[in-house]
Protein backbone atom coordinates (compact mmCIF):
# COMPACT_ATOMS: atom_id res chain seq x y z
CA MET A 1 0.00 0.00 0.00
CA ALA A 2 1.26 3.47 -0.88
CA SER A 3 1.96 5.97 1.86
CA ALA A 4 -0.73 8.55 2.54
CA ALA A 5 1.60 11.29 1.29
CA SER A 6 2.29 9.58 -2.06
CA LEU A 7 -1.41 8.76 -2.49
CA GLN A 8 -2.29 12.39 -1.86
CA GLU A 9 0.31 13.51 -4.41
CA GLN A 10 -1.13 11.13 -7.00
CA ILE A 11 -4.69 12.32 -6.40
CA VAL A 12 -3.77 16.01 -6.43
CA GLY A 13 -1.71 15.53 -9.61
CA ALA A 14 -4.39 13.57 -11.47
CA SER A 15 -6.83 15.13 -13.90
CA GLU A 16 -10.57 14.76 -13.41
CA ASP A 17 -10.64 12.35 -16.36
CA GLU A 18 -7.84 10.21 -14.85
CA LEU A 19 -9.65 10.07 -11.50
CA GLN A 20 -12.91 9.06 -13.18
CA LYS A 21 -11.20 6.32 -15.19
CA PHE A 22 -9.49 5.03 -12.03
CA PHE A 23 -12.79 5.01 -10.12
CA GLU A 24 -14.42 3.01 -12.93
CA THR A 25 -11.75 0.30 -12.57
CA LEU A 26 -12.61 -0.29 -8.90
CA SER A 27 -14.85 -3.15 -7.87
CA GLU A 28 -18.26 -2.24 -6.46
CA ALA A 29 -17.01 -3.06 -2.94
CA ASP A 30 -13.93 -0.84 -3.35
CA ARG A 31 -16.06 2.00 -4.78
CA SER A 32 -18.31 1.81 -1.75
CA LYS A 33 -15.33 1.76 0.61
CA PHE A 34 -13.80 4.77 -1.15
CA LEU A 35 -17.05 6.77 -1.14
CA LEU A 36 -17.64 6.02 2.53
CA ALA A 37 -14.10 7.16 3.39
CA VAL A 38 -14.56 10.40 1.46
CA ALA A 39 -18.00 11.08 2.90
CA THR A 40 -16.89 10.57 6.50
CA ALA A 41 -13.48 12.24 6.22
CA SER A 42 -14.71 15.49 7.71
CA TRP A 43 -17.89 17.30 8.52
CA THR A 44 -18.63 20.57 6.78
CA ASP A 45 -21.48 23.02 7.02
CA GLY A 46 -23.27 24.03 3.87
CA PHE A 47 -26.41 25.57 2.46
CA GLY A 48 -29.26 23.68 0.85
CA VAL A 49 -32.34 24.33 -1.21
CA CYS A 50 -35.30 21.97 -0.97
CA GLY A 51 -37.28 22.79 -4.09
CA ARG A 52 -41.01 22.27 -4.51
CA PHE A 53 -42.47 23.51 -7.77
CA ALA A 54 -46.00 23.25 -9.16
CA SER A 55 -45.92 22.75 -12.92
CA LYS A 56 -48.48 22.71 -15.71
CA ASP A 57 -46.28 20.03 -17.35
CA PRO A 58 -44.34 18.04 -14.67
CA VAL A 59 -42.66 15.76 -17.24
CA GLU A 60 -41.26 18.70 -19.23
CA THR A 61 -40.28 20.53 -16.04
CA THR A 62 -38.44 17.43 -14.83
CA LYS A 63 -36.44 17.39 -18.08
CA LEU A 64 -35.57 21.10 -17.63
CA VAL A 65 -34.50 20.64 -14.00
CA LEU A 66 -32.43 17.51 -14.73
CA ALA A 67 -30.61 19.27 -17.57
CA ASP A 68 -29.87 22.30 -15.39
CA ALA A 69 -28.79 20.14 -12.44
CA LYS A 70 -26.02 18.66 -14.57
CA ILE A 71 -24.94 22.13 -15.74
CA GLN A 72 -25.09 23.44 -12.17
CA VAL A 73 -22.76 20.86 -10.65
CA ASN A 74 -20.37 21.09 -13.62
CA GLU A 75 -20.19 24.90 -13.83
CA GLU A 76 -20.50 25.90 -10.16
CA VAL A 77 -17.55 24.99 -7.96
CA GLY A 78 -19.66 25.76 -4.88
CA ALA A 79 -22.53 23.44 -5.90
CA PRO A 80 -21.22 19.90 -5.34
CA TRP A 81 -24.45 17.97 -5.93
CA MET A 82 -28.13 18.14 -6.71
CA THR A 83 -30.77 15.44 -6.41
CA VAL A 84 -33.90 15.68 -8.54
CA MET A 85 -36.67 13.53 -7.12
CA GLY A 86 -39.06 14.44 -9.89
CA HIS A 87 -42.80 14.38 -9.52
CA PRO A 88 -44.78 11.74 -7.64
CA ARG A 89 -46.68 9.32 -9.83
CA GLU A 90 -48.93 8.10 -7.05
CA ALA A 91 -49.76 11.04 -4.81
CA PRO A 92 -52.71 13.00 -3.51
CA GLU A 93 -54.31 15.07 -6.27
CA ALA A 94 -52.95 18.30 -4.74
CA GLU A 95 -49.36 17.06 -5.14
CA LYS A 96 -49.48 15.42 -8.60
CA ASP A 97 -48.27 18.53 -10.42
CA LYS A 98 -45.35 19.13 -8.03
CA LEU A 99 -41.68 18.55 -8.74
CA PHE A 100 -39.14 18.14 -5.91
CA TRP A 101 -35.35 18.57 -5.68
CA VAL A 102 -32.54 19.15 -3.19
CA ALA A 103 -29.48 21.21 -4.14
CA ALA A 104 -26.35 21.62 -2.03
CA PHE A 105 -24.04 24.62 -1.91
CA HIS A 106 -20.86 25.26 0.06
CA SER A 107 -22.46 28.31 1.68
CA LYS A 108 -25.33 30.76 1.53
CA GLU A 109 -22.93 33.31 0.02
CA VAL A 110 -22.03 30.91 -2.81
CA TYR A 111 -25.73 30.38 -3.53
CA HIS A 112 -26.38 34.13 -3.67
CA THR A 113 -23.34 34.88 -5.84
CA GLU A 114 -22.01 32.02 -7.96
CA HIS A 115 -25.37 30.28 -8.39
CA THR A 116 -27.65 33.26 -8.97
CA ASN A 117 -25.12 34.95 -11.27
CA ARG A 118 -24.47 31.91 -13.50
CA PRO A 119 -25.61 32.98 -17.00
CA SER A 120 -27.09 29.55 -17.81
CA ASN A 121 -29.07 29.72 -14.53
CA LYS A 122 -30.75 32.91 -15.68
CA THR A 123 -31.86 31.10 -18.86
CA PHE A 124 -33.02 28.09 -16.85
CA VAL A 125 -35.10 30.20 -14.44
CA SER A 126 -36.84 31.87 -17.40
CA GLU A 127 -37.62 28.45 -18.93
CA LEU A 128 -38.74 27.06 -15.56
CA MET A 129 -41.10 29.97 -14.90
CA ALA A 130 -42.76 29.33 -18.26
CA THR A 131 -43.91 25.96 -16.85
CA CYS A 132 -45.53 27.40 -13.69
CA ALA A 133 -48.88 25.76 -12.96
CA THR A 134 -50.62 29.05 -12.12
CA GLY A 135 -48.21 31.51 -13.71
CA ASN A 136 -47.43 32.94 -10.28
CA PRO A 137 -43.97 31.81 -9.04
CA ILE A 138 -44.82 32.76 -5.43
CA VAL A 139 -47.74 30.33 -5.47
CA ASP A 140 -46.03 27.68 -7.60
CA MET A 141 -42.86 27.57 -5.48
CA ASN A 142 -44.74 27.53 -2.17
CA GLY A 143 -42.96 25.02 0.06
CA THR A 144 -39.46 25.69 -1.31
CA ASP A 145 -37.03 26.14 1.57
CA ARG A 146 -33.47 27.42 1.82
CA LYS A 147 -31.45 26.52 4.94
CA SER A 148 -27.92 26.71 6.28
């Protein structure tokens, strides 16, 4: 086994593509072990958005949100992940048009600067608002929460 120092040097010196290719060569058990080690290495505070959006076309809105989620985590250094849960297929009638997601940010400041100022986010928000169920974003995003 390599020393921790040499392993760190290899990881720091590797490109994103090299790290991805290496990860793909690991067995499922070793991937799980690696991800657990990374996830438990240290605790950090962050900022999250729990999105709840009423849409006149939940399937189309899901496509929009999934596409932007990928752009978000690729373009925003301070947005490490986003989970899109989509819309419930079997839900009370009042919830059938809703779409849900959770987005993570390194901090509230990152959310209010990097995220809100991303040019592709401005385009996405315009496209998203066009799918509002009522046309009123205040009503259609009722239940969205932002927390540190």
